[in-house]
Amino acid sequence: MKLATFSPLPSGEPRPGLVVDDRRIVDIPAALGADADTATMLGIIRAGAPLLARLRELAGKPPVASLALADVKLHAPIPRPAKNVFCVGWNYLEHFEEGAKKLQDNRELPKWPVFFSKAVTAVTGPYDPVPFDGKISTSLDWEVELGVVIGTGGKDIAEADAMRHVFGYTVINDVSWRDLQRRHGGQWHKGKSLDGTCPMGPWIVTADSLAPDNLRVACRVNGVTKQESNTKFLYFKLPRLIGDLSMGMTLEPGDVISTGTPEGVGFARTPPEFMKPGDLLETEIEGIGVMRNPIG
């Protein structure tokens, strides 16, 4: 199933929807009745298996209270996560190597995942503009990433059990301001967290509908492919990421993990390439969908 957060145009309130045939969307609160479980995507995720069963039944019926996707605005599927988005650095071998070469250091391959986070105020929709403020920085870079949405929470999750805790998958672009990223003593948080620098969407594909370990990932700027790889090349696989992140730290329903980007980022190119106002950033993951975010 594909679950989205949408607003009917021109000015409806955001609500969760069930995407049908990539052309129409079913208003979930209207179809199942509005309550704490159905009113938001976080409510659906927290409600767990019983509500998912009702949604599968709804998906098997002719669309009820449905709208054309062309007649709605899609938001990030979780417009405001309860926590910062958890992110992973250096999680494709080729990206690790291109960064080491560009920065001229002799770093060793990590034995543990490199975790950081993006502020919840960075989250934006799959077709929303990514703000550009030249007074702050001009080194705006792209990073296509597979997003993992936690369903069942837990602490000290064993790798063997980790995938049972996944609700679904989405597309994320870990848009980064490179000079800010390096300005603050090696802490990446500020350069990763400016408003609007975490496009997410266009929806969540539930875990029962997608195998995440062999998906093509791609990023394009103005139609030119900048990144193209496959999730099978993740250095730390999803069970390891979930297991390590949950060590001593509770993961909760609706938490989002952005799993790292492959080679092809702008700062590592010769000469470096960065986005500018008027550019179109496209972020695609096979089996999920495509985001299209104008810059500026």
C-alpha atoms as a PDB file:
ATOM      1  CA  MET A   1       0.000   0.000   0.000  1.00  0.00           C
ATOM      2  CA  LYS A   2       0.963   3.598  -0.545  1.00  0.00           C
ATOM      3  CA  LEU A   3      -0.057   6.035   2.193  1.00  0.00           C
ATOM      4  CA  ALA A   4       0.237   9.794   1.763  1.00  0.00           C
ATOM      5  CA  THR A   5      -0.649  12.987   3.576  1.00  0.00           C
ATOM      6  CA  PHE A   6      -2.614  15.358   1.353  1.00  0.00           C
ATOM      7  CA  SER A   7      -4.827  18.428   1.258  1.00  0.00           C
ATOM      8  CA  PRO A   8      -7.701  18.810  -1.210  1.00  0.00           C
ATOM      9  CA  LEU A   9      -7.164  21.877  -3.382  1.00  0.00           C
ATOM     10  CA  PRO A  10      -7.478  24.783  -3.064  1.00  0.00           C
ATOM     11  CA  SER A  11      -7.343  24.976   0.739  1.00  0.00           C
ATOM     12  CA  GLY A  12      -8.343  21.740   2.468  1.00  0.00           C
ATOM     13  CA  GLU A  13      -6.855  20.527   5.739  1.00  0.00           C
ATOM     14  CA  PRO A  14      -4.076  17.908   5.648  1.00  0.00           C
ATOM     15  CA  ARG A  15      -5.189  14.318   6.177  1.00  0.00           C
ATOM     16  CA  PRO A  16      -3.878  10.827   5.428  1.00  0.00           C
ATOM     17  CA  GLY A  17      -4.866   9.084   2.224  1.00  0.00           C
ATOM     18  CA  LEU A  18      -4.578   5.733   0.485  1.00  0.00           C
ATOM     19  CA  VAL A  19      -3.072   6.054  -3.006  1.00  0.00           C
ATOM     20  CA  VAL A  20      -4.884   3.957  -5.626  1.00  0.00           C
ATOM     21  CA  ASP A  21      -3.204   3.106  -8.953  1.00  0.00           C
ATOM     22  CA  ASP A  22      -0.948   6.166  -8.591  1.00  0.00           C
ATOM     23  CA  ARG A  23      -3.833   8.236  -9.935  1.00  0.00           C
ATOM     24  CA  ARG A  24      -6.345   8.645  -7.128  1.00  0.00           C
ATOM     25  CA  ILE A  25      -6.259   9.015  -3.371  1.00  0.00           C
ATOM     26  CA  VAL A  26      -8.820   7.797  -0.857  1.00  0.00           C
ATOM     27  CA  ASP A  27      -9.569  10.081   2.080  1.00  0.00           C
ATOM     28  CA  ILE A  28      -8.906   7.703   4.988  1.00  0.00           C
ATOM     29  CA  PRO A  29     -10.775   9.609   7.731  1.00  0.00           C
ATOM     30  CA  ALA A  30     -13.778   9.971   5.411  1.00  0.00           C
ATOM     31  CA  ALA A  31     -13.725   6.297   4.447  1.00  0.00           C
ATOM     32  CA  LEU A  32     -13.067   4.763   7.886  1.00  0.00           C
ATOM     33  CA  GLY A  33     -14.365   7.456  10.207  1.00  0.00           C
ATOM     34  CA  ALA A  34     -12.336  10.249  11.739  1.00  0.00           C
ATOM     35  CA  ASP A  35     -10.706   9.497  15.076  1.00  0.00           C
ATOM     36  CA  ALA A  36      -7.296   9.712  16.740  1.00  0.00           C
ATOM     37  CA  ASP A  37      -6.053   6.706  14.747  1.00  0.00           C
ATOM     38  CA  THR A  38      -7.156   7.827  11.289  1.00  0.00           C
ATOM     39  CA  ALA A  39      -6.727  11.613  11.491  1.00  0.00           C
ATOM     40  CA  THR A  40      -2.949  11.718  10.899  1.00  0.00           C
ATOM     41  CA  MET A  41      -0.206   9.520   9.497  1.00  0.00           C
ATOM     42  CA  LEU A  42       1.385   9.280  12.931  1.00  0.00           C
ATOM     43  CA  GLY A  43      -1.957   8.068  14.273  1.00  0.00           C
ATOM     44  CA  ILE A  44      -2.122   5.361  11.608  1.00  0.00           C
ATOM     45  CA  ILE A  45       1.433   4.211  12.334  1.00  0.00           C
ATOM     46  CA  ARG A  46       0.839   4.132  16.086  1.00  0.00           C
ATOM     47  CA  ALA A  47      -2.411   2.195  15.649  1.00  0.00           C
ATOM     48  CA  GLY A  48      -0.432  -0.671  14.169  1.00  0.00           C
ATOM     49  CA  ALA A  49      -1.600  -3.952  12.644  1.00  0.00           C
ATOM     50  CA  PRO A  50      -5.381  -3.677  13.256  1.00  0.00           C
ATOM     51  CA  LEU A  51      -5.649  -0.418  11.320  1.00  0.00           C
ATOM     52  CA  LEU A  52      -3.325  -1.689   8.586  1.00  0.00           C
ATOM     53  CA  ALA A  53      -5.702  -4.635   8.136  1.00  0.00           C
ATOM     54  CA  ARG A  54      -8.612  -2.212   7.699  1.00  0.00           C
ATOM     55  CA  LEU A  55      -6.604  -0.241   5.143  1.00  0.00           C
ATOM     56  CA  ARG A  56      -5.807  -3.402   3.163  1.00  0.00           C
ATOM     57  CA  GLU A  57      -9.501  -4.173   3.071  1.00  0.00           C
ATOM     58  CA  LEU A  58     -10.192  -0.622   1.897  1.00  0.00           C
ATOM     59  CA  ALA A  59      -7.543  -0.968  -0.812  1.00  0.00           C
ATOM     60  CA  GLY A  60      -9.319  -4.029  -2.183  1.00  0.00           C
ATOM     61  CA  LYS A  61     -12.605  -2.172  -2.667  1.00  0.00           C
ATOM     62  CA  PRO A  62     -13.592   0.342  -5.345  1.00  0.00           C
ATOM     63  CA  PRO A  63     -12.354   3.813  -4.299  1.00  0.00           C
ATOM     64  CA  VAL A  64     -14.544   5.472  -1.687  1.00  0.00           C
ATOM     65  CA  ALA A  65     -14.372   9.232  -1.143  1.00  0.00           C
ATOM     66  CA  SER A  66     -11.463   9.378  -3.576  1.00  0.00           C
ATOM     67  CA  LEU A  67      -9.919  12.323  -5.378  1.00  0.00           C
ATOM     68  CA  ALA A  68      -7.634  12.582  -8.374  1.00  0.00           C
ATOM     69  CA  LEU A  69      -4.031  13.132  -7.320  1.00  0.00           C
ATOM     70  CA  ALA A  70      -4.013  16.085  -9.702  1.00  0.00           C
ATOM     71  CA  ASP A  71      -6.631  17.734  -7.469  1.00  0.00           C
ATOM     72  CA  VAL A  72      -4.704  17.526  -4.206  1.00  0.00           C
ATOM     73  CA  LYS A  73      -1.483  18.835  -2.661  1.00  0.00           C
ATOM     74  CA  LEU A  74       0.850  16.161  -1.339  1.00  0.00           C
ATOM     75  CA  HIS A  75       2.739  16.963   1.842  1.00  0.00           C
ATOM     76  CA  ALA A  76       5.586  15.026   3.399  1.00  0.00           C
ATOM     77  CA  PRO A  77       3.915  11.769   4.490  1.00  0.00           C
ATOM     78  CA  ILE A  78       4.794  12.656   8.101  1.00  0.00           C
ATOM     79  CA  PRO A  79       4.663  16.460   7.872  1.00  0.00           C
ATOM     80  CA  ARG A  80       6.206  16.965  11.300  1.00  0.00           C
ATOM     81  CA  PRO A  81       7.870  13.899  12.798  1.00  0.00           C
ATOM     82  CA  ALA A  82       7.805  13.621  16.587  1.00  0.00           C
ATOM     83  CA  LYS A  83      11.620  13.657  16.605  1.00  0.00           C
ATOM     84  CA  ASN A  84      14.457  14.793  14.403  1.00  0.00           C
ATOM     85  CA  VAL A  85      15.022  12.638  11.336  1.00  0.00           C
ATOM     86  CA  PHE A  86      17.819  10.163  12.095  1.00  0.00           C
ATOM     87  CA  CYS A  87      20.444  10.156   9.333  1.00  0.00           C
ATOM     88  CA  VAL A  88      23.394   7.965   8.403  1.00  0.00           C
ATOM     89  CA  GLY A  89      26.661   9.231   6.937  1.00  0.00           C
ATOM     90  CA  TRP A  90      29.167   7.402   4.727  1.00  0.00           C
ATOM     91  CA  ASN A  91      26.872   4.435   4.081  1.00  0.00           C
ATOM     92  CA  TYR A  92      27.788   3.658   0.465  1.00  0.00           C
ATOM     93  CA  LEU A  93      31.403   2.618  -0.077  1.00  0.00           C
ATOM     94  CA  GLU A  94      31.877   4.739  -3.214  1.00  0.00           C
ATOM     95  CA  HIS A  95      30.519   7.837  -1.438  1.00  0.00           C
ATOM     96  CA  PHE A  96      32.914   7.232   1.456  1.00  0.00           C
ATOM     97  CA  GLU A  97      35.804   7.021  -1.000  1.00  0.00           C
ATOM     98  CA  GLU A  98      34.848  10.122  -3.005  1.00  0.00           C
ATOM     99  CA  GLY A  99      34.557  12.145   0.193  1.00  0.00           C
ATOM    100  CA  ALA A 100      37.914  10.943   1.500  1.00  0.00           C
ATOM    101  CA  LYS A 101      39.589  11.788  -1.815  1.00  0.00           C
ATOM    102  CA  LYS A 102      38.018  15.245  -2.007  1.00  0.00           C
ATOM    103  CA  LEU A 103      38.894  16.108   1.595  1.00  0.00           C
ATOM    104  CA  GLN A 104      42.355  14.529   1.244  1.00  0.00           C
ATOM    105  CA  ASP A 105      42.254  12.439   4.392  1.00  0.00           C
ATOM    106  CA  ASN A 106      43.115   8.818   5.110  1.00  0.00           C
ATOM    107  CA  ARG A 107      40.046   7.855   7.080  1.00  0.00           C
ATOM    108  CA  GLU A 108      39.373   4.178   7.647  1.00  0.00           C
ATOM    109  CA  LEU A 109      36.084   2.511   6.862  1.00  0.00           C
ATOM    110  CA  PRO A 110      33.787   2.903   9.865  1.00  0.00           C
ATOM    111  CA  LYS A 111      33.193  -0.031  12.187  1.00  0.00           C
ATOM    112  CA  TRP A 112      29.961   1.561  13.359  1.00  0.00           C
ATOM    113  CA  PRO A 113      27.339   3.621  11.516  1.00  0.00           C
ATOM    114  CA  VAL A 114      27.796   7.392  11.619  1.00  0.00           C
ATOM    115  CA  PHE A 115      24.559   8.876  12.953  1.00  0.00           C
ATOM    116  CA  PHE A 116      23.412  12.504  12.923  1.00  0.00           C
ATOM    117  CA  SER A 117      20.029  14.189  12.579  1.00  0.00           C
ATOM    118  CA  LYS A 118      18.025  16.774  10.675  1.00  0.00           C
ATOM    119  CA  ALA A 119      15.632  19.083  12.529  1.00  0.00           C
ATOM    120  CA  VAL A 120      11.917  18.404  12.114  1.00  0.00           C
ATOM    121  CA  THR A 121      11.548  21.919  10.666  1.00  0.00           C
ATOM    122  CA  ALA A 122      13.708  20.787   7.726  1.00  0.00           C
ATOM    123  CA  VAL A 123      10.999  18.360   6.583  1.00  0.00           C
ATOM    124  CA  THR A 124       9.122  19.518   3.484  1.00  0.00           C
ATOM    125  CA  GLY A 125       6.871  18.036   0.828  1.00  0.00           C
ATOM    126  CA  PRO A 126       7.761  16.068  -2.291  1.00  0.00           C
ATOM    127  CA  TYR A 127       7.011  18.950  -4.659  1.00  0.00           C
ATOM    128  CA  ASP A 128       7.675  21.960  -2.407  1.00  0.00           C
ATOM    129  CA  PRO A 129      10.470  24.454  -3.113  1.00  0.00           C
ATOM    130  CA  VAL A 130      13.759  24.036  -1.268  1.00  0.00           C
ATOM    131  CA  PRO A 131      14.548  27.555   0.014  1.00  0.00           C
ATOM    132  CA  PHE A 132      17.788  29.149  -1.184  1.00  0.00           C
ATOM    133  CA  ASP A 133      19.327  32.008   0.795  1.00  0.00           C
ATOM    134  CA  GLY A 134      22.563  33.213  -0.751  1.00  0.00           C
ATOM    135  CA  LYS A 135      23.302  35.364   2.318  1.00  0.00           C
ATOM    136  CA  ILE A 136      23.751  32.161   4.334  1.00  0.00           C
ATOM    137  CA  SER A 137      25.465  29.906   1.810  1.00  0.00           C
ATOM    138  CA  THR A 138      25.690  29.048  -1.883  1.00  0.00           C
ATOM    139  CA  SER A 139      26.993  25.461  -1.535  1.00  0.00           C
ATOM    140  CA  LEU A 140      23.657  23.634  -1.737  1.00  0.00           C
ATOM    141  CA  ASP A 141      24.161  19.922  -2.440  1.00  0.00           C
ATOM    142  CA  TRP A 142      21.957  16.902  -3.177  1.00  0.00           C
ATOM    143  CA  GLU A 143      21.789  13.454  -1.505  1.00  0.00           C
ATOM    144  CA  VAL A 144      19.209  10.832  -2.539  1.00  0.00           C
ATOM    145  CA  GLU A 145      18.414   8.445   0.330  1.00  0.00           C
ATOM    146  CA  LEU A 146      16.044   5.621   1.218  1.00  0.00           C
ATOM    147  CA  GLY A 147      13.905   6.557   4.206  1.00  0.00           C
ATOM    148  CA  VAL A 148      12.796   3.902   6.708  1.00  0.00           C
ATOM    149  CA  VAL A 149       9.734   4.573   8.871  1.00  0.00           C
ATOM    150  CA  ILE A 150       9.571   2.751  12.189  1.00  0.00           C
ATOM    151  CA  GLY A 151       6.275   1.045  13.002  1.00  0.00           C
ATOM    152  CA  THR A 152       6.676  -0.972  16.183  1.00  0.00           C
ATOM    153  CA  GLY A 153       8.894   0.825  18.655  1.00  0.00           C
ATOM    154  CA  GLY A 154      11.599  -0.758  20.715  1.00  0.00           C
ATOM    155  CA  LYS A 155      14.904  -0.487  22.532  1.00  0.00           C
ATOM    156  CA  ASP A 156      17.953  -2.742  22.094  1.00  0.00           C
ATOM    157  CA  ILE A 157      16.369  -4.289  19.009  1.00  0.00           C
ATOM    158  CA  ALA A 158      18.185  -7.406  17.789  1.00  0.00           C
ATOM    159  CA  GLU A 159      19.271  -7.321  14.161  1.00  0.00           C
ATOM    160  CA  ALA A 160      17.369 -10.567  13.559  1.00  0.00           C
ATOM    161  CA  ASP A 161      14.152  -8.835  14.649  1.00  0.00           C
ATOM    162  CA  ALA A 162      14.817  -5.384  13.209  1.00  0.00           C
ATOM    163  CA  MET A 163      12.769  -5.593  10.015  1.00  0.00           C
ATOM    164  CA  ARG A 164       9.663  -6.501  12.021  1.00  0.00           C
ATOM    165  CA  HIS A 165       9.842  -2.981  13.431  1.00  0.00           C
ATOM    166  CA  VAL A 166       9.595  -1.296  10.000  1.00  0.00           C
ATOM    167  CA  PHE A 167       6.302   0.303   8.978  1.00  0.00           C
ATOM    168  CA  GLY A 168       7.384   1.294   5.491  1.00  0.00           C
ATOM    169  CA  TYR A 169       9.694   3.193   3.173  1.00  0.00           C
ATOM    170  CA  THR A 170       9.821   6.636   1.605  1.00  0.00           C
ATOM    171  CA  VAL A 171      12.119   8.835  -0.505  1.00  0.00           C
ATOM    172  CA  ILE A 172      14.298  11.451   1.195  1.00  0.00           C
ATOM    173  CA  ASN A 173      16.791  13.972  -0.113  1.00  0.00           C
ATOM    174  CA  ASP A 174      19.303  14.921   2.576  1.00  0.00           C
ATOM    175  CA  VAL A 175      19.852  18.375   1.073  1.00  0.00           C
ATOM    176  CA  SER A 176      23.040  19.782   2.577  1.00  0.00           C
ATOM    177  CA  TRP A 177      24.707  23.182   2.833  1.00  0.00           C
ATOM    178  CA  ARG A 178      28.320  22.036   2.624  1.00  0.00           C
ATOM    179  CA  ASP A 179      30.178  25.016   4.074  1.00  0.00           C
ATOM    180  CA  LEU A 180      27.791  25.148   7.039  1.00  0.00           C
ATOM    181  CA  GLN A 181      28.190  21.399   7.459  1.00  0.00           C
ATOM    182  CA  ARG A 182      31.956  21.788   7.946  1.00  0.00           C
ATOM    183  CA  ARG A 183      31.882  25.110   9.779  1.00  0.00           C
ATOM    184  CA  HIS A 184      30.745  23.827  13.165  1.00  0.00           C
ATOM    185  CA  GLY A 185      33.609  21.680  14.376  1.00  0.00           C
ATOM    186  CA  GLY A 186      32.708  18.614  12.346  1.00  0.00           C
ATOM    187  CA  GLN A 187      29.139  18.496  13.669  1.00  0.00           C
ATOM    188  CA  TRP A 188      26.877  18.263  10.630  1.00  0.00           C
ATOM    189  CA  HIS A 189      23.567  19.169  12.282  1.00  0.00           C
ATOM    190  CA  LYS A 190      23.389  22.872  11.341  1.00  0.00           C
ATOM    191  CA  GLY A 191      24.376  22.367   7.701  1.00  0.00           C
ATOM    192  CA  LYS A 192      21.780  19.611   7.373  1.00  0.00           C
ATOM    193  CA  SER A 193      18.897  21.308   9.183  1.00  0.00           C
ATOM    194  CA  LEU A 194      17.988  24.593   7.509  1.00  0.00           C
ATOM    195  CA  ASP A 195      14.285  24.948   6.826  1.00  0.00           C
ATOM    196  CA  GLY A 196      13.009  22.965   3.860  1.00  0.00           C
ATOM    197  CA  THR A 197      16.129  20.834   3.387  1.00  0.00           C
ATOM    198  CA  CYS A 198      14.534  17.433   3.987  1.00  0.00           C
ATOM    199  CA  PRO A 199      12.120  16.733   1.105  1.00  0.00           C
ATOM    200  CA  MET A 200      10.234  13.544   1.924  1.00  0.00           C
ATOM    201  CA  GLY A 201       7.650  11.552  -0.013  1.00  0.00           C
ATOM    202  CA  PRO A 202       5.763  11.357  -2.192  1.00  0.00           C
ATOM    203  CA  TRP A 203       4.265   8.708   0.144  1.00  0.00           C
ATOM    204  CA  ILE A 204       5.111   5.766   2.373  1.00  0.00           C
ATOM    205  CA  VAL A 205       5.086   2.306   0.807  1.00  0.00           C
ATOM    206  CA  THR A 206       4.198  -0.168   3.556  1.00  0.00           C
ATOM    207  CA  ALA A 207       6.754  -2.823   4.428  1.00  0.00           C
ATOM    208  CA  ASP A 208       4.553  -5.682   3.212  1.00  0.00           C
ATOM    209  CA  SER A 209       4.556  -4.159  -0.284  1.00  0.00           C
ATOM    210  CA  LEU A 210       8.268  -3.562  -0.917  1.00  0.00           C
ATOM    211  CA  ALA A 211      11.561  -5.412  -0.479  1.00  0.00           C
ATOM    212  CA  PRO A 212      14.122  -2.684   0.302  1.00  0.00           C
ATOM    213  CA  ASP A 213      17.404  -4.453  -0.411  1.00  0.00           C
ATOM    214  CA  ASN A 214      17.629  -4.115  -4.222  1.00  0.00           C
ATOM    215  CA  LEU A 215      16.127  -0.791  -5.280  1.00  0.00           C
ATOM    216  CA  ARG A 216      17.552   1.632  -7.832  1.00  0.00           C
ATOM    217  CA  VAL A 217      18.137   5.102  -6.381  1.00  0.00           C
ATOM    218  CA  ALA A 218      18.697   8.191  -8.505  1.00  0.00           C
ATOM    219  CA  CYS A 219      19.046  11.942  -8.230  1.00  0.00           C
ATOM    220  CA  ARG A 220      18.772  14.401 -11.115  1.00  0.00           C
ATOM    221  CA  VAL A 221      19.289  18.155 -11.368  1.00  0.00           C
ATOM    222  CA  ASN A 222      17.618  19.827 -14.344  1.00  0.00           C
ATOM    223  CA  GLY A 223      17.168  16.397 -15.922  1.00  0.00           C
ATOM    224  CA  VAL A 224      20.863  15.465 -15.652  1.00  0.00           C
ATOM    225  CA  THR A 225      21.576  12.348 -13.584  1.00  0.00           C
ATOM    226  CA  LYS A 226      23.949  13.144 -10.715  1.00  0.00           C
ATOM    227  CA  GLN A 227      23.567   9.995  -8.607  1.00  0.00           C
ATOM    228  CA  GLU A 228      22.534   6.489  -9.620  1.00  0.00           C
ATOM    229  CA  SER A 229      23.068   3.421  -7.481  1.00  0.00           C
ATOM    230  CA  ASN A 230      21.179   0.638  -5.697  1.00  0.00           C
ATOM    231  CA  THR A 231      20.271  -0.050  -2.088  1.00  0.00           C
ATOM    232  CA  LYS A 232      22.070  -3.396  -2.351  1.00  0.00           C
ATOM    233  CA  PHE A 233      25.286  -1.359  -2.015  1.00  0.00           C
ATOM    234  CA  LEU A 234      24.411  -0.004   1.437  1.00  0.00           C
ATOM    235  CA  TYR A 235      27.517  -0.537   3.591  1.00  0.00           C
ATOM    236  CA  PHE A 236      25.530  -1.006   6.805  1.00  0.00           C
ATOM    237  CA  LYS A 237      22.294  -2.832   5.988  1.00  0.00           C
ATOM    238  CA  LEU A 238      18.944  -1.842   7.469  1.00  0.00           C
ATOM    239  CA  PRO A 239      18.915  -4.426  10.304  1.00  0.00           C
ATOM    240  CA  ARG A 240      22.324  -3.210  11.484  1.00  0.00           C
ATOM    241  CA  LEU A 241      21.232   0.434  11.356  1.00  0.00           C
ATOM    242  CA  ILE A 242      18.069  -0.240  13.363  1.00  0.00           C
ATOM    243  CA  GLY A 243      19.904  -2.460  15.831  1.00  0.00           C
ATOM    244  CA  ASP A 244      22.724   0.002  16.480  1.00  0.00           C
ATOM    245  CA  LEU A 245      20.472   3.063  16.631  1.00  0.00           C
ATOM    246  CA  SER A 246      18.189   1.387  19.167  1.00  0.00           C
ATOM    247  CA  MET A 247      21.036   0.422  21.530  1.00  0.00           C
ATOM    248  CA  GLY A 248      20.013   2.060  24.787  1.00  0.00           C
ATOM    249  CA  MET A 249      17.721   4.456  22.902  1.00  0.00           C
ATOM    250  CA  THR A 250      14.054   3.806  22.313  1.00  0.00           C
ATOM    251  CA  LEU A 251      12.795   4.036  18.758  1.00  0.00           C
ATOM    252  CA  GLU A 252       9.132   4.986  18.539  1.00  0.00           C
ATOM    253  CA  PRO A 253       6.384   4.574  15.948  1.00  0.00           C
ATOM    254  CA  GLY A 254       6.815   7.199  13.244  1.00  0.00           C
ATOM    255  CA  ASP A 255      10.550   7.701  13.739  1.00  0.00           C
ATOM    256  CA  VAL A 256      12.314   8.168  10.389  1.00  0.00           C
ATOM    257  CA  ILE A 257      15.775   6.903   9.456  1.00  0.00           C
ATOM    258  CA  SER A 258      17.471   8.285   6.334  1.00  0.00           C
ATOM    259  CA  THR A 259      19.917   5.556   5.390  1.00  0.00           C
ATOM    260  CA  GLY A 260      22.738   7.320   3.548  1.00  0.00           C
ATOM    261  CA  THR A 261      23.570   8.504   0.038  1.00  0.00           C
ATOM    262  CA  PRO A 262      25.629   6.990  -2.807  1.00  0.00           C
ATOM    263  CA  GLU A 263      28.442   8.580  -4.801  1.00  0.00           C
ATOM    264  CA  GLY A 264      27.856  11.539  -7.108  1.00  0.00           C
ATOM    265  CA  VAL A 265      27.308  14.404  -4.663  1.00  0.00           C
ATOM    266  CA  GLY A 266      28.155  17.879  -5.872  1.00  0.00           C
ATOM    267  CA  PHE A 267      30.943  18.876  -3.482  1.00  0.00           C
ATOM    268  CA  ALA A 268      33.070  15.864  -4.515  1.00  0.00           C
ATOM    269  CA  ARG A 269      32.963  16.704  -8.220  1.00  0.00           C
ATOM    270  CA  THR A 270      35.771  18.442 -10.123  1.00  0.00           C
ATOM    271  CA  PRO A 271      35.015  21.276 -10.118  1.00  0.00           C
ATOM    272  CA  PRO A 272      32.390  21.180  -7.326  1.00  0.00           C
ATOM    273  CA  GLU A 273      28.786  21.599  -8.421  1.00  0.00           C
ATOM    274  CA  PHE A 274      26.019  23.114  -6.320  1.00  0.00           C
ATOM    275  CA  MET A 275      22.359  23.900  -6.895  1.00  0.00           C
ATOM    276  CA  LYS A 276      21.088  27.412  -7.506  1.00  0.00           C
ATOM    277  CA  PRO A 277      17.720  29.151  -7.697  1.00  0.00           C
ATOM    278  CA  GLY A 278      15.649  27.946 -10.635  1.00  0.00           C
ATOM    279  CA  ASP A 279      17.086  24.415 -10.623  1.00  0.00           C
ATOM    280  CA  LEU A 280      14.817  21.380 -10.398  1.00  0.00           C
ATOM    281  CA  LEU A 281      15.869  18.611  -8.013  1.00  0.00           C
ATOM    282  CA  GLU A 282      14.409  15.172  -8.778  1.00  0.00           C
ATOM    283  CA  THR A 283      14.845  12.326  -6.315  1.00  0.00           C
ATOM    284  CA  GLU A 284      13.719   8.813  -7.235  1.00  0.00           C
ATOM    285  CA  ILE A 285      13.693   5.369  -5.642  1.00  0.00           C
ATOM    286  CA  GLU A 286      12.432   2.349  -7.525  1.00  0.00           C
ATOM    287  CA  GLY A 287       9.174   0.983  -6.180  1.00  0.00           C
ATOM    288  CA  ILE A 288       8.390   4.146  -4.221  1.00  0.00           C
ATOM    289  CA  GLY A 289       8.283   7.168  -6.498  1.00  0.00           C
ATOM    290  CA  VAL A 290       9.768  10.494  -7.578  1.00  0.00           C
ATOM    291  CA  MET A 291       9.990  13.841  -5.814  1.00  0.00           C
ATOM    292  CA  ARG A 292      10.390  17.063  -7.795  1.00  0.00           C
ATOM    293  CA  ASN A 293      11.555  20.050  -5.760  1.00  0.00           C
ATOM    294  CA  PRO A 294      12.352  23.420  -7.358  1.00  0.00           C
ATOM    295  CA  ILE A 295      15.228  25.343  -5.770  1.00  0.00           C
ATOM    296  CA  GLY A 296      14.557  28.817  -4.499  1.00  0.00           C
END
